[in-house]
C-alpha cells in the first residue's frame, strides 16, 4: 500500500503554495495534486489499465450458466 507523505504534502501546501492550514485540510487529494502540479493534466489512462478496472469492476455479473 502506498502511503501519503503528509509532512511533505503539508510543507508543499503550506509553505510552497501559501495555503492556510484550514484551507489545506479542506482540499481533496486530487485538488491538492492539481494545485501542486501547477494545473498540469494527469497522464491519460491507457487501455491496459482500463481493461484491469473493467475486469475488477464489471457492469454486470455473470449468471451461473455464464450468461449475463
C-alpha atoms as a PDB file:
ATOM      1  CA  UNK A   1       0.000   0.000   0.000  1.00  0.00           C
ATOM      2  CA  UNK A   2       1.308   3.429  -0.943  1.00  0.00           C
ATOM      3  CA  UNK A   3       1.221   5.961   1.865  1.00  0.00           C
ATOM      4  CA  UNK A   4       0.865   9.705   1.614  1.00  0.00           C
ATOM      5  CA  UNK A   5       3.892  11.760   2.613  1.00  0.00           C
ATOM      6  CA  UNK A   6       1.802  14.052   4.814  1.00  0.00           C
ATOM      7  CA  UNK A   7       4.754  16.089   6.156  1.00  0.00           C
ATOM      8  CA  UNK A   8       5.975  16.677   2.599  1.00  0.00           C
ATOM      9  CA  UNK A   9       2.497  17.495   1.333  1.00  0.00           C
ATOM     10  CA  UNK A  10       1.920  19.889   4.213  1.00  0.00           C
ATOM     11  CA  UNK A  11       5.235  21.657   3.539  1.00  0.00           C
ATOM     12  CA  UNK A  12       4.352  21.962  -0.149  1.00  0.00           C
ATOM     13  CA  UNK A  13       0.844  23.191   0.580  1.00  0.00           C
ATOM     14  CA  UNK A  14       1.558  25.499   3.491  1.00  0.00           C
ATOM     15  CA  UNK A  15       4.980  26.847   2.545  1.00  0.00           C
ATOM     16  CA  UNK A  16       5.116  26.302  -1.193  1.00  0.00           C
ATOM     17  CA  UNK A  17       1.552  27.179  -2.136  1.00  0.00           C
ATOM     18  CA  UNK A  18       0.961  29.532   0.789  1.00  0.00           C
ATOM     19  CA  UNK A  19      -2.213  27.828   1.967  1.00  0.00           C
ATOM     20  CA  UNK A  20      -3.604  28.403   5.425  1.00  0.00           C
ATOM     21  CA  UNK A  21      -3.892  25.155   7.446  1.00  0.00           C
ATOM     22  CA  UNK A  22      -7.698  25.224   7.315  1.00  0.00           C
ATOM     23  CA  UNK A  23      -7.639  25.628   3.531  1.00  0.00           C
ATOM     24  CA  UNK A  24      -5.080  22.814   3.176  1.00  0.00           C
ATOM     25  CA  UNK A  25      -7.245  20.341   5.087  1.00  0.00           C
ATOM     26  CA  UNK A  26     -10.367  21.274   3.102  1.00  0.00           C
ATOM     27  CA  UNK A  27      -8.732  20.148  -0.164  1.00  0.00           C
ATOM     28  CA  UNK A  28      -9.282  16.691  -1.581  1.00  0.00           C
ATOM     29  CA  UNK A  29      -6.132  14.768  -2.567  1.00  0.00           C
ATOM     30  CA  UNK A  30      -6.998  15.371  -6.243  1.00  0.00           C
ATOM     31  CA  UNK A  31      -7.350  19.120  -5.662  1.00  0.00           C
ATOM     32  CA  UNK A  32      -4.035  19.224  -3.783  1.00  0.00           C
ATOM     33  CA  UNK A  33      -2.323  17.298  -6.588  1.00  0.00           C
ATOM     34  CA  UNK A  34      -3.679  19.724  -9.179  1.00  0.00           C
ATOM     35  CA  UNK A  35      -2.620  22.708  -7.103  1.00  0.00           C
ATOM     36  CA  UNK A  36       0.898  21.381  -6.526  1.00  0.00           C
ATOM     37  CA  UNK A  37       1.385  20.266 -10.134  1.00  0.00           C
ATOM     38  CA  UNK A  38       0.706  23.756 -11.416  1.00  0.00           C
ATOM     39  CA  UNK A  39      -2.553  22.666 -13.014  1.00  0.00           C
ATOM     40  CA  UNK A  40      -0.925  20.277 -15.472  1.00  0.00           C
ATOM     41  CA  UNK A  41      -3.207  17.473 -16.556  1.00  0.00           C
ATOM     42  CA  UNK A  42      -2.565  13.957 -15.363  1.00  0.00           C
ATOM     43  CA  UNK A  43      -1.417  11.371 -17.890  1.00  0.00           C
ATOM     44  CA  UNK A  44      -4.397   9.736 -19.627  1.00  0.00           C
ATOM     45  CA  UNK A  45      -5.345   6.208 -18.653  1.00  0.00           C
ATOM     46  CA  UNK A  46      -4.090   3.551 -21.063  1.00  0.00           C
ATOM     47  CA  UNK A  47      -6.072   0.642 -22.499  1.00  0.00           C
ATOM     48  CA  UNK A  48      -4.353  -1.898 -20.250  1.00  0.00           C
ATOM     49  CA  UNK A  49      -5.350  -0.046 -17.073  1.00  0.00           C
ATOM     50  CA  UNK A  50      -8.900   0.413 -18.352  1.00  0.00           C
ATOM     51  CA  UNK A  51      -9.124  -3.341 -19.037  1.00  0.00           C
ATOM     52  CA  UNK A  52      -7.861  -4.071 -15.497  1.00  0.00           C
ATOM     53  CA  UNK A  53     -10.528  -1.815 -13.996  1.00  0.00           C
ATOM     54  CA  UNK A  54     -13.279  -3.270 -16.207  1.00  0.00           C
ATOM     55  CA  UNK A  55     -12.319  -6.785 -15.127  1.00  0.00           C
ATOM     56  CA  UNK A  56     -12.188  -5.791 -11.454  1.00  0.00           C
ATOM     57  CA  UNK A  57     -15.482  -3.855 -11.533  1.00  0.00           C
ATOM     58  CA  UNK A  58     -17.752  -5.361 -14.210  1.00  0.00           C
ATOM     59  CA  UNK A  59     -21.023  -3.634 -15.100  1.00  0.00           C
ATOM     60  CA  UNK A  60     -22.898  -6.947 -14.998  1.00  0.00           C
ATOM     61  CA  UNK A  61     -22.347 -10.131 -13.055  1.00  0.00           C
ATOM     62  CA  UNK A  62     -22.408 -13.388 -14.978  1.00  0.00           C
ATOM     63  CA  UNK A  63     -25.095 -15.922 -14.071  1.00  0.00           C
ATOM     64  CA  UNK A  64     -24.257 -19.486 -13.081  1.00  0.00           C
ATOM     65  CA  UNK A  65     -24.594 -20.644 -16.718  1.00  0.00           C
ATOM     66  CA  UNK A  66     -22.147 -17.971 -17.845  1.00  0.00           C
ATOM     67  CA  UNK A  67     -24.701 -15.652 -19.459  1.00  0.00           C
ATOM     68  CA  UNK A  68     -25.080 -12.026 -18.484  1.00  0.00           C
END
